[in-house]
PDB file of N, CA and C in Angstrom:
ATOM      1  N   UNK A   1      31.765  -4.278  10.125  1.00  0.00           N
ATOM      2  CA  UNK A   1      30.719  -5.233  10.450  1.00  0.00           C
ATOM      3  C   UNK A   1      30.549  -6.160   9.246  1.00  0.00           C
ATOM      4  N   UNK A   2      30.390  -7.440   9.511  1.00  0.00           N
ATOM      5  CA  UNK A   2      30.250  -8.403   8.424  1.00  0.00           C
ATOM      6  C   UNK A   2      28.894  -8.258   7.738  1.00  0.00           C
ATOM      7  N   UNK A   3      28.825  -8.721   6.482  1.00  0.00           N
ATOM      8  CA  UNK A   3      27.567  -8.672   5.719  1.00  0.00           C
ATOM      9  C   UNK A   3      26.494  -9.502   6.403  1.00  0.00           C
ATOM     10  N   UNK A   4      26.886 -10.619   6.984  1.00  0.00           N
ATOM     11  CA  UNK A   4      25.929 -11.486   7.668  1.00  0.00           C
ATOM     12  C   UNK A   4      25.274 -10.750   8.837  1.00  0.00           C
ATOM     13  N   UNK A   5      26.061 -10.049   9.632  1.00  0.00           N
ATOM     14  CA  UNK A   5      25.527  -9.323  10.783  1.00  0.00           C
ATOM     15  C   UNK A   5      24.639  -8.158  10.335  1.00  0.00           C
ATOM     16  N   UNK A   6      25.019  -7.446   9.266  1.00  0.00           N
ATOM     17  CA  UNK A   6      24.212  -6.334   8.761  1.00  0.00           C
ATOM     18  C   UNK A   6      22.860  -6.823   8.252  1.00  0.00           C
ATOM     19  N   UNK A   7      22.771  -8.026   7.741  1.00  0.00           N
ATOM     20  CA  UNK A   7      21.532  -8.537   7.157  1.00  0.00           C
ATOM     21  C   UNK A   7      20.594  -9.190   8.168  1.00  0.00           C
ATOM     22  N   UNK A   8      21.013  -9.361   9.403  1.00  0.00           N
ATOM     23  CA  UNK A   8      20.161  -9.991  10.411  1.00  0.00           C
ATOM     24  C   UNK A   8      18.832  -9.272  10.604  1.00  0.00           C
ATOM     25  N   UNK A   9      18.806  -7.923  10.729  1.00  0.00           N
ATOM     26  CA  UNK A   9      17.500  -7.255  10.881  1.00  0.00           C
ATOM     27  C   UNK A   9      16.590  -7.493   9.678  1.00  0.00           C
ATOM     28  N   UNK A  10      17.155  -7.538   8.482  1.00  0.00           N
ATOM     29  CA  UNK A  10      16.344  -7.785   7.287  1.00  0.00           C
ATOM     30  C   UNK A  10      15.789  -9.198   7.282  1.00  0.00           C
ATOM     31  N   UNK A  11      16.580 -10.154   7.730  1.00  0.00           N
ATOM     32  CA  UNK A  11      16.110 -11.536   7.803  1.00  0.00           C
ATOM     33  C   UNK A  11      14.974 -11.648   8.811  1.00  0.00           C
ATOM     34  N   UNK A  12      15.111 -11.017   9.962  1.00  0.00           N
ATOM     35  CA  UNK A  12      14.049 -11.045  10.972  1.00  0.00           C
ATOM     36  C   UNK A  12      12.783 -10.399  10.424  1.00  0.00           C
ATOM     37  N   UNK A  13      12.915  -9.291   9.725  1.00  0.00           N
ATOM     38  CA  UNK A  13      11.774  -8.610   9.122  1.00  0.00           C
ATOM     39  C   UNK A  13      11.085  -9.512   8.106  1.00  0.00           C
ATOM     40  N   UNK A  14      11.861 -10.190   7.285  1.00  0.00           N
ATOM     41  CA  UNK A  14      11.295 -11.094   6.278  1.00  0.00           C
ATOM     42  C   UNK A  14      10.560 -12.250   6.934  1.00  0.00           C
ATOM     43  N   UNK A  15      11.087 -12.786   8.016  1.00  0.00           N
ATOM     44  CA  UNK A  15      10.440 -13.902   8.701  1.00  0.00           C
ATOM     45  C   UNK A  15       9.112 -13.477   9.318  1.00  0.00           C
ATOM     46  N   UNK A  16       9.066 -12.297   9.927  1.00  0.00           N
ATOM     47  CA  UNK A  16       7.819 -11.796  10.507  1.00  0.00           C
ATOM     48  C   UNK A  16       6.794 -11.559   9.406  1.00  0.00           C
ATOM     49  N   UNK A  17       7.211 -10.937   8.307  1.00  0.00           N
ATOM     50  CA  UNK A  17       6.294 -10.661   7.201  1.00  0.00           C
ATOM     51  C   UNK A  17       5.769 -11.957   6.600  1.00  0.00           C
ATOM     52  N   UNK A  18       6.615 -12.960   6.448  1.00  0.00           N
ATOM     53  CA  UNK A  18       6.182 -14.240   5.885  1.00  0.00           C
ATOM     54  C   UNK A  18       5.181 -14.931   6.795  1.00  0.00           C
ATOM     55  N   UNK A  19       5.272 -14.687   8.084  1.00  0.00           N
ATOM     56  CA  UNK A  19       4.340 -15.297   9.031  1.00  0.00           C
ATOM     57  C   UNK A  19       3.006 -14.564   9.066  1.00  0.00           C
ATOM     58  N   UNK A  20       2.895 -13.474   8.334  1.00  0.00           N
ATOM     59  CA  UNK A  20       1.626 -12.750   8.263  1.00  0.00           C
ATOM     60  C   UNK A  20       1.455 -11.697   9.333  1.00  0.00           C
ATOM     61  N   UNK A  21       2.522 -11.383  10.048  1.00  0.00           N
ATOM     62  CA  UNK A  21       2.416 -10.370  11.094  1.00  0.00           C
ATOM     63  C   UNK A  21       2.977  -9.052  10.630  1.00  0.00           C
ATOM     64  N   UNK A  22       2.652  -8.022  11.371  1.00  0.00           N
ATOM     65  CA  UNK A  22       3.216  -6.708  11.062  1.00  0.00           C
ATOM     66  C   UNK A  22       4.657  -6.684  11.524  1.00  0.00           C
ATOM     67  N   UNK A  23       5.471  -5.938  10.835  1.00  0.00           N
ATOM     68  CA  UNK A  23       6.875  -5.833  11.183  1.00  0.00           C
ATOM     69  C   UNK A  23       7.225  -4.365  11.330  1.00  0.00           C
ATOM     70  N   UNK A  24       8.306  -4.100  12.050  1.00  0.00           N
ATOM     71  CA  UNK A  24       8.784  -2.737  12.193  1.00  0.00           C
ATOM     72  C   UNK A  24      10.072  -2.600  11.406  1.00  0.00           C
ATOM     73  N   UNK A  25      10.095  -1.647  10.515  1.00  0.00           N
ATOM     74  CA  UNK A  25      11.282  -1.373   9.719  1.00  0.00           C
ATOM     75  C   UNK A  25      12.274  -0.592  10.560  1.00  0.00           C
ATOM     76  N   UNK A  26      13.551  -0.574  10.162  1.00  0.00           N
ATOM     77  CA  UNK A  26      14.518   0.249  10.870  1.00  0.00           C
ATOM     78  C   UNK A  26      14.010   1.690  10.944  1.00  0.00           C
ATOM     79  N   UNK A  27      14.160   2.317  12.087  1.00  0.00           N
ATOM     80  CA  UNK A  27      13.666   3.668  12.285  1.00  0.00           C
ATOM     81  C   UNK A  27      12.286   3.697  12.911  1.00  0.00           C
ATOM     82  N   UNK A  28      11.717   2.505  13.227  1.00  0.00           N
ATOM     83  CA  UNK A  28      10.446   2.441  13.928  1.00  0.00           C
ATOM     84  C   UNK A  28       9.213   2.547  13.047  1.00  0.00           C
ATOM     85  N   UNK A  29       9.366   2.481  11.732  1.00  0.00           N
ATOM     86  CA  UNK A  29       8.222   2.573  10.823  1.00  0.00           C
ATOM     87  C   UNK A  29       7.596   1.191  10.691  1.00  0.00           C
ATOM     88  N   UNK A  30       6.289   1.096  10.958  1.00  0.00           N
ATOM     89  CA  UNK A  30       5.600  -0.198  10.879  1.00  0.00           C
ATOM     90  C   UNK A  30       5.293  -0.537   9.431  1.00  0.00           C
ATOM     91  N   UNK A  31       5.479  -1.807   9.102  1.00  0.00           N
ATOM     92  CA  UNK A  31       5.138  -2.312   7.771  1.00  0.00           C
ATOM     93  C   UNK A  31       3.778  -2.982   7.853  1.00  0.00           C
ATOM     94  N   UNK A  32       2.925  -2.725   6.889  1.00  0.00           N
ATOM     95  CA  UNK A  32       1.592  -3.326   6.883  1.00  0.00           C
ATOM     96  C   UNK A  32       1.691  -4.832   6.730  1.00  0.00           C
ATOM     97  N   UNK A  33       0.756  -5.519   7.369  1.00  0.00           N
ATOM     98  CA  UNK A  33       0.689  -6.976   7.289  1.00  0.00           C
ATOM     99  C   UNK A  33      -0.422  -7.375   6.325  1.00  0.00           C
ATOM    100  N   UNK A  34      -0.360  -8.599   5.859  1.00  0.00           N
ATOM    101  CA  UNK A  34      -1.411  -9.153   5.014  1.00  0.00           C
ATOM    102  C   UNK A  34      -1.940 -10.405   5.680  1.00  0.00           C
ATOM    103  N   UNK A  35      -3.255 -10.481   5.832  1.00  0.00           N
ATOM    104  CA  UNK A  35      -3.918 -11.677   6.357  1.00  0.00           C
ATOM    105  C   UNK A  35      -4.678 -12.325   5.216  1.00  0.00           C
ATOM    106  N   UNK A  36      -4.689 -13.637   5.185  1.00  0.00           N
ATOM    107  CA  UNK A  36      -5.364 -14.373   4.122  1.00  0.00           C
ATOM    108  C   UNK A  36      -6.605 -15.055   4.662  1.00  0.00           C
ATOM    109  N   UNK A  37      -7.704 -14.918   3.930  1.00  0.00           N
ATOM    110  CA  UNK A  37      -8.945 -15.633   4.209  1.00  0.00           C
ATOM    111  C   UNK A  37      -9.158 -16.572   3.026  1.00  0.00           C
ATOM    112  N   UNK A  38      -9.271 -17.854   3.310  1.00  0.00           N
ATOM    113  CA  UNK A  38      -9.449 -18.851   2.260  1.00  0.00           C
ATOM    114  C   UNK A  38     -10.919 -19.228   2.153  1.00  0.00           C
ATOM    115  N   UNK A  39     -11.424 -19.279   0.932  1.00  0.00           N
ATOM    116  CA  UNK A  39     -12.793 -19.715   0.675  1.00  0.00           C
ATOM    117  C   UNK A  39     -12.730 -21.187   0.305  1.00  0.00           C
ATOM    118  N   UNK A  40     -13.174 -22.049   1.225  1.00  0.00           N
ATOM    119  CA  UNK A  40     -13.198 -23.489   0.976  1.00  0.00           C
ATOM    120  C   UNK A  40     -14.258 -24.130   1.854  1.00  0.00           C
ATOM    121  N   UNK A  41     -14.760 -25.268   1.420  1.00  0.00           N
ATOM    122  CA  UNK A  41     -15.807 -25.989   2.150  1.00  0.00           C
ATOM    123  C   UNK A  41     -17.015 -25.079   2.416  1.00  0.00           C
ATOM    124  N   UNK A  42     -17.318 -24.219   1.458  1.00  0.00           N
ATOM    125  CA  UNK A  42     -18.429 -23.269   1.533  1.00  0.00           C
ATOM    126  C   UNK A  42     -18.388 -22.478   2.851  1.00  0.00           C
ATOM    127  N   UNK A  43     -17.190 -21.944   3.148  1.00  0.00           N
ATOM    128  CA  UNK A  43     -16.989 -21.123   4.342  1.00  0.00           C
ATOM    129  C   UNK A  43     -15.755 -20.249   4.151  1.00  0.00           C
ATOM    130  N   UNK A  44     -15.676 -19.178   4.941  1.00  0.00           N
ATOM    131  CA  UNK A  44     -14.482 -18.339   4.998  1.00  0.00           C
ATOM    132  C   UNK A  44     -13.605 -18.872   6.128  1.00  0.00           C
ATOM    133  N   UNK A  45     -12.318 -19.074   5.846  1.00  0.00           N
ATOM    134  CA  UNK A  45     -11.386 -19.594   6.856  1.00  0.00           C
ATOM    135  C   UNK A  45     -10.202 -18.649   6.982  1.00  0.00           C
ATOM    136  N   UNK A  46     -10.004 -17.971   8.115  1.00  0.00           N
ATOM    137  CA  UNK A  46     -10.909 -17.884   9.251  1.00  0.00           C
ATOM    138  C   UNK A  46     -12.073 -16.955   8.925  1.00  0.00           C
ATOM    139  N   UNK A  47     -13.148 -17.117   9.660  1.00  0.00           N
ATOM    140  CA  UNK A  47     -14.342 -16.293   9.439  1.00  0.00           C
ATOM    141  C   UNK A  47     -14.183 -14.902  10.052  1.00  0.00           C
ATOM    142  N   UNK A  48     -13.262 -14.749  10.974  1.00  0.00           N
ATOM    143  CA  UNK A  48     -13.033 -13.453  11.630  1.00  0.00           C
ATOM    144  C   UNK A  48     -11.530 -13.206  11.684  1.00  0.00           C
ATOM    145  N   UNK A  49     -11.122 -12.049  11.200  1.00  0.00           N
ATOM    146  CA  UNK A  49      -9.713 -11.659  11.310  1.00  0.00           C
ATOM    147  C   UNK A  49      -9.645 -10.300  11.993  1.00  0.00           C
ATOM    148  N   UNK A  50      -8.606 -10.117  12.790  1.00  0.00           N
ATOM    149  CA  UNK A  50      -8.355  -8.844  13.452  1.00  0.00           C
ATOM    150  C   UNK A  50      -7.019  -8.332  12.937  1.00  0.00           C
ATOM    151  N   UNK A  51      -7.039  -7.091  12.455  1.00  0.00           N
ATOM    152  CA  UNK A  51      -5.845  -6.504  11.860  1.00  0.00           C
ATOM    153  C   UNK A  51      -5.662  -5.082  12.386  1.00  0.00           C
ATOM    154  N   UNK A  52      -4.534  -4.492  12.056  1.00  0.00           N
ATOM    155  CA  UNK A  52      -4.272  -3.089  12.387  1.00  0.00           C
ATOM    156  C   UNK A  52      -4.665  -2.216  11.195  1.00  0.00           C
ATOM    157  N   UNK A  53      -4.930  -0.958  11.476  1.00  0.00           N
ATOM    158  CA  UNK A  53      -5.228  -0.017  10.399  1.00  0.00           C
ATOM    159  C   UNK A  53      -4.074  -0.004   9.405  1.00  0.00           C
ATOM    160  N   UNK A  54      -4.388  -0.036   8.110  1.00  0.00           N
ATOM    161  CA  UNK A  54      -3.364  -0.059   7.070  1.00  0.00           C
ATOM    162  C   UNK A  54      -2.999  -1.450   6.609  1.00  0.00           C
ATOM    163  N   UNK A  55      -3.451  -2.487   7.328  1.00  0.00           N
ATOM    164  CA  UNK A  55      -3.180  -3.869   6.917  1.00  0.00           C
ATOM    165  C   UNK A  55      -4.113  -4.270   5.787  1.00  0.00           C
ATOM    166  N   UNK A  56      -3.787  -5.367   5.151  1.00  0.00           N
ATOM    167  CA  UNK A  56      -4.511  -5.856   3.978  1.00  0.00           C
ATOM    168  C   UNK A  56      -5.071  -7.244   4.259  1.00  0.00           C
ATOM    169  N   UNK A  57      -6.265  -7.495   3.744  1.00  0.00           N
ATOM    170  CA  UNK A  57      -6.863  -8.833   3.785  1.00  0.00           C
ATOM    171  C   UNK A  57      -6.990  -9.308   2.342  1.00  0.00           C
ATOM    172  N   UNK A  58      -6.534 -10.529   2.093  1.00  0.00           N
ATOM    173  CA  UNK A  58      -6.642 -11.137   0.769  1.00  0.00           C
ATOM    174  C   UNK A  58      -7.507 -12.375   0.882  1.00  0.00           C
ATOM    175  N   UNK A  59      -8.556 -12.442   0.066  1.00  0.00           N
ATOM    176  CA  UNK A  59      -9.420 -13.619  -0.007  1.00  0.00           C
ATOM    177  C   UNK A  59      -8.930 -14.478  -1.161  1.00  0.00           C
ATOM    178  N   UNK A  60      -8.768 -15.798  -0.911  1.00  0.00           N
ATOM    179  CA  UNK A  60      -8.298 -16.729  -1.941  1.00  0.00           C
ATOM    180  C   UNK A  60      -9.327 -17.841  -2.137  1.00  0.00           C
ATOM    181  N   UNK A  61      -9.722 -18.022  -3.383  1.00  0.00           N
ATOM    182  CA  UNK A  61     -10.705 -19.050  -3.733  1.00  0.00           C
ATOM    183  C   UNK A  61      -9.999 -20.398  -3.851  1.00  0.00           C
ATOM    184  N   UNK A  62     -10.412 -21.370  -3.000  1.00  0.00           N
ATOM    185  CA  UNK A  62      -9.813 -22.709  -2.998  1.00  0.00           C
ATOM    186  C   UNK A  62     -10.902 -23.751  -2.738  1.00  0.00           C
ATOM    187  N   UNK A  63     -12.018 -23.600  -3.430  1.00  0.00           N
ATOM    188  CA  UNK A  63     -13.167 -24.483  -3.149  1.00  0.00           C
ATOM    189  C   UNK A  63     -13.541 -25.303  -4.372  1.00  0.00           C
ATOM    190  N   UNK A  64     -12.514 -25.791  -5.042  1.00  0.00           N
ATOM    191  CA  UNK A  64     -12.743 -26.635  -6.218  1.00  0.00           C
ATOM    192  C   UNK A  64     -13.519 -25.978  -7.322  1.00  0.00           C
ATOM    193  N   UNK A  65     -14.248 -25.804  -7.943  1.00  0.00           N
ATOM    194  CA  UNK A  65     -14.980 -25.042  -8.966  1.00  0.00           C
ATOM    195  C   UNK A  65     -16.213 -24.367  -8.418  1.00  0.00           C
ATOM    196  N   UNK A  66     -16.418 -24.382  -7.087  1.00  0.00           N
ATOM    197  CA  UNK A  66     -17.611 -23.748  -6.506  1.00  0.00           C
ATOM    198  C   UNK A  66     -17.444 -22.227  -6.547  1.00  0.00           C
ATOM    199  N   UNK A  67     -18.481 -21.589  -7.056  1.00  0.00           N
ATOM    200  CA  UNK A  67     -18.438 -20.128  -7.174  1.00  0.00           C
ATOM    201  C   UNK A  67     -18.835 -19.460  -5.851  1.00  0.00           C
ATOM    202  N   UNK A  68     -18.123 -18.392  -5.533  1.00  0.00           N
ATOM    203  CA  UNK A  68     -18.396 -17.568  -4.352  1.00  0.00           C
ATOM    204  C   UNK A  68     -18.208 -16.106  -4.738  1.00  0.00           C
ATOM    205  N   UNK A  69     -18.738 -15.227  -3.903  1.00  0.00           N
ATOM    206  CA  UNK A  69     -18.436 -13.805  -4.019  1.00  0.00           C
ATOM    207  C   UNK A  69     -18.136 -13.265  -2.626  1.00  0.00           C
ATOM    208  N   UNK A  70     -17.626 -12.055  -2.576  1.00  0.00           N
ATOM    209  CA  UNK A  70     -17.390 -11.349  -1.319  1.00  0.00           C
ATOM    210  C   UNK A  70     -18.161 -10.044  -1.445  1.00  0.00           C
ATOM    211  N   UNK A  71     -19.196  -9.880  -0.610  1.00  0.00           N
ATOM    212  CA  UNK A  71     -20.074  -8.716  -0.690  1.00  0.00           C
ATOM    213  C   UNK A  71     -20.107  -8.033   0.672  1.00  0.00           C
ATOM    214  N   UNK A  72     -19.947  -6.695   0.644  1.00  0.00           N
ATOM    215  CA  UNK A  72     -19.976  -5.920   1.880  1.00  0.00           C
ATOM    216  C   UNK A  72     -20.574  -4.546   1.597  1.00  0.00           C
ATOM    217  N   UNK A  73     -21.203  -3.973   2.589  1.00  0.00           N
ATOM    218  CA  UNK A  73     -21.660  -2.583   2.485  1.00  0.00           C
ATOM    219  C   UNK A  73     -20.514  -1.621   2.770  1.00  0.00           C
ATOM    220  N   UNK A  74     -19.433  -2.135   3.348  1.00  0.00           N
ATOM    221  CA  UNK A  74     -18.333  -1.288   3.811  1.00  0.00           C
ATOM    222  C   UNK A  74     -17.180  -1.159   2.820  1.00  0.00           C
ATOM    223  N   UNK A  75     -17.051  -2.081   1.895  1.00  0.00           N
ATOM    224  CA  UNK A  75     -15.963  -2.026   0.923  1.00  0.00           C
ATOM    225  C   UNK A  75     -16.420  -2.683  -0.371  1.00  0.00           C
ATOM    226  N   UNK A  76     -15.749  -2.346  -1.443  1.00  0.00           N
ATOM    227  CA  UNK A  76     -16.082  -2.925  -2.740  1.00  0.00           C
ATOM    228  C   UNK A  76     -15.761  -4.422  -2.703  1.00  0.00           C
ATOM    229  N   UNK A  77     -16.671  -5.216  -3.164  1.00  0.00           N
ATOM    230  CA  UNK A  77     -16.489  -6.665  -3.139  1.00  0.00           C
ATOM    231  C   UNK A  77     -16.212  -7.225  -4.516  1.00  0.00           C
ATOM    232  N   UNK A  78     -16.602  -8.472  -4.707  1.00  0.00           N
ATOM    233  CA  UNK A  78     -16.342  -9.153  -5.973  1.00  0.00           C
ATOM    234  C   UNK A  78     -17.631  -9.716  -6.545  1.00  0.00           C
ATOM    235  N   UNK A  79     -17.603 -10.017  -7.806  1.00  0.00           N
ATOM    236  CA  UNK A  79     -18.652 -10.800  -8.424  1.00  0.00           C
ATOM    237  C   UNK A  79     -18.392 -12.271  -8.144  1.00  0.00           C
ATOM    238  N   UNK A  80     -19.324 -13.111  -8.562  1.00  0.00           N
ATOM    239  CA  UNK A  80     -19.168 -14.555  -8.352  1.00  0.00           C
ATOM    240  C   UNK A  80     -18.019 -15.087  -9.201  1.00  0.00           C
ATOM    241  N   UNK A  81     -17.190 -15.918  -8.580  1.00  0.00           N
ATOM    242  CA  UNK A  81     -16.075 -16.561  -9.279  1.00  0.00           C
ATOM    243  C   UNK A  81     -15.689 -17.834  -8.551  1.00  0.00           C
ATOM    244  N   UNK A  82     -14.911 -18.667  -9.208  1.00  0.00           N
ATOM    245  CA  UNK A  82     -14.510 -19.934  -8.597  1.00  0.00           C
ATOM    246  C   UNK A  82     -13.008 -20.046  -8.397  1.00  0.00           C
ATOM    247  N   UNK A  83     -12.248 -19.010  -8.757  1.00  0.00           N
ATOM    248  CA  UNK A  83     -10.800 -19.067  -8.562  1.00  0.00           C
ATOM    249  C   UNK A  83     -10.249 -17.654  -8.453  1.00  0.00           C
ATOM    250  N   UNK A  84      -9.000 -17.574  -8.094  1.00  0.00           N
ATOM    251  CA  UNK A  84      -8.329 -16.284  -8.007  1.00  0.00           C
ATOM    252  C   UNK A  84      -8.236 -15.762  -6.591  1.00  0.00           C
ATOM    253  N   UNK A  85      -7.973 -14.461  -6.490  1.00  0.00           N
ATOM    254  CA  UNK A  85      -7.859 -13.810  -5.191  1.00  0.00           C
ATOM    255  C   UNK A  85      -8.327 -12.362  -5.323  1.00  0.00           C
ATOM    256  N   UNK A  86      -8.583 -11.761  -4.170  1.00  0.00           N
ATOM    257  CA  UNK A  86      -9.076 -10.386  -4.111  1.00  0.00           C
ATOM    258  C   UNK A  86      -8.573  -9.786  -2.807  1.00  0.00           C
ATOM    259  N   UNK A  87      -8.076  -8.555  -2.839  1.00  0.00           N
ATOM    260  CA  UNK A  87      -7.537  -7.944  -1.635  1.00  0.00           C
ATOM    261  C   UNK A  87      -8.074  -6.555  -1.368  1.00  0.00           C
ATOM    262  N   UNK A  88      -8.134  -6.211  -0.075  1.00  0.00           N
ATOM    263  CA  UNK A  88      -8.564  -4.890   0.372  1.00  0.00           C
ATOM    264  C   UNK A  88      -7.602  -4.430   1.462  1.00  0.00           C
ATOM    265  N   UNK A  89      -7.145  -3.183   1.357  1.00  0.00           N
ATOM    266  CA  UNK A  89      -6.366  -2.555   2.413  1.00  0.00           C
ATOM    267  C   UNK A  89      -7.330  -1.715   3.241  1.00  0.00           C
ATOM    268  N   UNK A  90      -7.351  -1.947   4.557  1.00  0.00           N
ATOM    269  CA  UNK A  90      -8.276  -1.267   5.460  1.00  0.00           C
ATOM    270  C   UNK A  90      -7.569  -0.086   6.107  1.00  0.00           C
ATOM    271  N   UNK A  91      -8.036   1.124   5.795  1.00  0.00           N
ATOM    272  CA  UNK A  91      -7.375   2.342   6.240  1.00  0.00           C
ATOM    273  C   UNK A  91      -8.041   3.000   7.440  1.00  0.00           C
ATOM    274  N   UNK A  92      -9.198   2.470   7.860  1.00  0.00           N
ATOM    275  CA  UNK A  92      -9.842   3.048   9.047  1.00  0.00           C
ATOM    276  C   UNK A  92     -10.270   1.925   9.989  1.00  0.00           C
ATOM    277  N   UNK A  93     -10.309   2.264  11.261  1.00  0.00           N
ATOM    278  CA  UNK A  93     -10.684   1.295  12.285  1.00  0.00           C
ATOM    279  C   UNK A  93     -12.182   1.019  12.213  1.00  0.00           C
ATOM    280  N   UNK A  94     -12.565  -0.164  12.656  1.00  0.00           N
ATOM    281  CA  UNK A  94     -13.979  -0.515  12.696  1.00  0.00           C
ATOM    282  C   UNK A  94     -14.182  -2.003  12.490  1.00  0.00           C
ATOM    283  N   UNK A  95     -15.442  -2.387  12.437  1.00  0.00           N
ATOM    284  CA  UNK A  95     -15.815  -3.777  12.194  1.00  0.00           C
ATOM    285  C   UNK A  95     -16.500  -3.828  10.836  1.00  0.00           C
ATOM    286  N   UNK A  96     -15.979  -4.653   9.948  1.00  0.00           N
ATOM    287  CA  UNK A  96     -16.454  -4.736   8.574  1.00  0.00           C
ATOM    288  C   UNK A  96     -16.966  -6.150   8.312  1.00  0.00           C
ATOM    289  N   UNK A  97     -18.257  -6.253   8.102  1.00  0.00           N
ATOM    290  CA  UNK A  97     -18.871  -7.557   7.851  1.00  0.00           C
ATOM    291  C   UNK A  97     -18.986  -7.781   6.345  1.00  0.00           C
ATOM    292  N   UNK A  98     -18.870  -9.031   5.959  1.00  0.00           N
ATOM    293  CA  UNK A  98     -19.012  -9.391   4.554  1.00  0.00           C
ATOM    294  C   UNK A  98     -19.651 -10.772   4.477  1.00  0.00           C
ATOM    295  N   UNK A  99     -20.077 -11.146   3.265  1.00  0.00           N
ATOM    296  CA  UNK A  99     -20.705 -12.462   3.100  1.00  0.00           C
ATOM    297  C   UNK A  99     -20.610 -12.894   1.654  1.00  0.00           C
ATOM    298  N   UNK A 100     -20.921 -14.154   1.447  1.00  0.00           N
ATOM    299  CA  UNK A 100     -21.108 -14.703   0.115  1.00  0.00           C
ATOM    300  C   UNK A 100     -22.619 -14.789  -0.080  1.00  0.00           C
ATOM    301  N   UNK A 101     -23.133 -14.050  -1.047  1.00  0.00           N
ATOM    302  CA  UNK A 101     -24.589 -14.027  -1.244  1.00  0.00           C
ATOM    303  C   UNK A 101     -25.100 -15.301  -1.915  1.00  0.00           C
ATOM    304  N   UNK A 102     -24.198 -16.138  -2.395  1.00  0.00           N
ATOM    305  CA  UNK A 102     -24.596 -17.379  -3.054  1.00  0.00           C
ATOM    306  C   UNK A 102     -24.829 -18.519  -2.059  1.00  0.00           C
ATOM    307  N   UNK A 103     -24.308 -18.369  -0.840  1.00  0.00           N
ATOM    308  CA  UNK A 103     -24.380 -19.430   0.166  1.00  0.00           C
ATOM    309  C   UNK A 103     -24.820 -18.846   1.515  1.00  0.00           C
ATOM    310  N   UNK A 104     -26.094 -18.988   1.869  1.00  0.00           N
ATOM    311  CA  UNK A 104     -26.578 -18.474   3.159  1.00  0.00           C
ATOM    312  C   UNK A 104     -25.727 -19.016   4.318  1.00  0.00           C
ATOM    313  N   UNK A 105     -25.403 -18.131   5.244  1.00  0.00           N
ATOM    314  CA  UNK A 105     -24.600 -18.518   6.402  1.00  0.00           C
ATOM    315  C   UNK A 105     -23.101 -18.407   6.175  1.00  0.00           C
ATOM    316  N   UNK A 106     -22.692 -18.106   4.957  1.00  0.00           N
ATOM    317  CA  UNK A 106     -21.256 -17.930   4.662  1.00  0.00           C
ATOM    318  C   UNK A 106     -20.924 -16.466   4.900  1.00  0.00           C
ATOM    319  N   UNK A 107     -20.577 -16.164   6.149  1.00  0.00           N
ATOM    320  CA  UNK A 107     -20.344 -14.791   6.601  1.00  0.00           C
ATOM    321  C   UNK A 107     -18.949 -14.648   7.182  1.00  0.00           C
ATOM    322  N   UNK A 108     -18.435 -13.436   7.162  1.00  0.00           N
ATOM    323  CA  UNK A 108     -17.137 -13.169   7.754  1.00  0.00           C
ATOM    324  C   UNK A 108     -17.071 -11.760   8.302  1.00  0.00           C
ATOM    325  N   UNK A 109     -16.019 -11.499   9.090  1.00  0.00           N
ATOM    326  CA  UNK A 109     -15.828 -10.197   9.720  1.00  0.00           C
ATOM    327  C   UNK A 109     -14.353  -9.840   9.728  1.00  0.00           C
ATOM    328  N   UNK A 110     -14.072  -8.578   9.402  1.00  0.00           N
ATOM    329  CA  UNK A 110     -12.748  -8.017   9.568  1.00  0.00           C
ATOM    330  C   UNK A 110     -12.848  -6.961  10.650  1.00  0.00           C
ATOM    331  N   UNK A 111     -12.059  -7.097  11.708  1.00  0.00           N
ATOM    332  CA  UNK A 111     -12.000  -6.105  12.786  1.00  0.00           C
ATOM    333  C   UNK A 111     -10.672  -5.369  12.625  1.00  0.00           C
ATOM    334  N   UNK A 112     -10.765  -4.047  12.465  1.00  0.00           N
ATOM    335  CA  UNK A 112      -9.576  -3.231  12.274  1.00  0.00           C
ATOM    336  C   UNK A 112      -9.357  -2.400  13.536  1.00  0.00           C
ATOM    337  N   UNK A 113      -8.223  -2.645  14.186  1.00  0.00           N
ATOM    338  CA  UNK A 113      -7.872  -1.888  15.409  1.00  0.00           C
ATOM    339  C   UNK A 113      -7.329  -0.525  15.035  1.00  0.00           C
ATOM    340  N   UNK A 114      -7.371   0.378  15.978  1.00  0.00           N
ATOM    341  CA  UNK A 114      -6.833   1.743  15.760  1.00  0.00           C
ATOM    342  C   UNK A 114      -5.348   1.747  15.620  1.00  0.00           C
TER     343      UNK A 114
END
């Protein structure tokens, strides 16, 4: 079998992972996906994400020098900052609400499927 043909499953896996979706590794093992929430225009974009158990959500600060935080009763959050990123891997199913305490109405939700 040619090297090109052997690498096709890996290329497909890389494309799915780059698109932010979960992928299945050879042998049927699922690879965790990462979803990105961007903090800009004094809002979370998207404000609601739905993921599978074991997936990761990464928050990225892109709001020019405006400080934000990510605060939740369900997971450890962040202090106020104006740049960088922060990630959480969700290992149990449920609905996890979070907010920026510096900006009323800046709320978000992570829904983790079983």
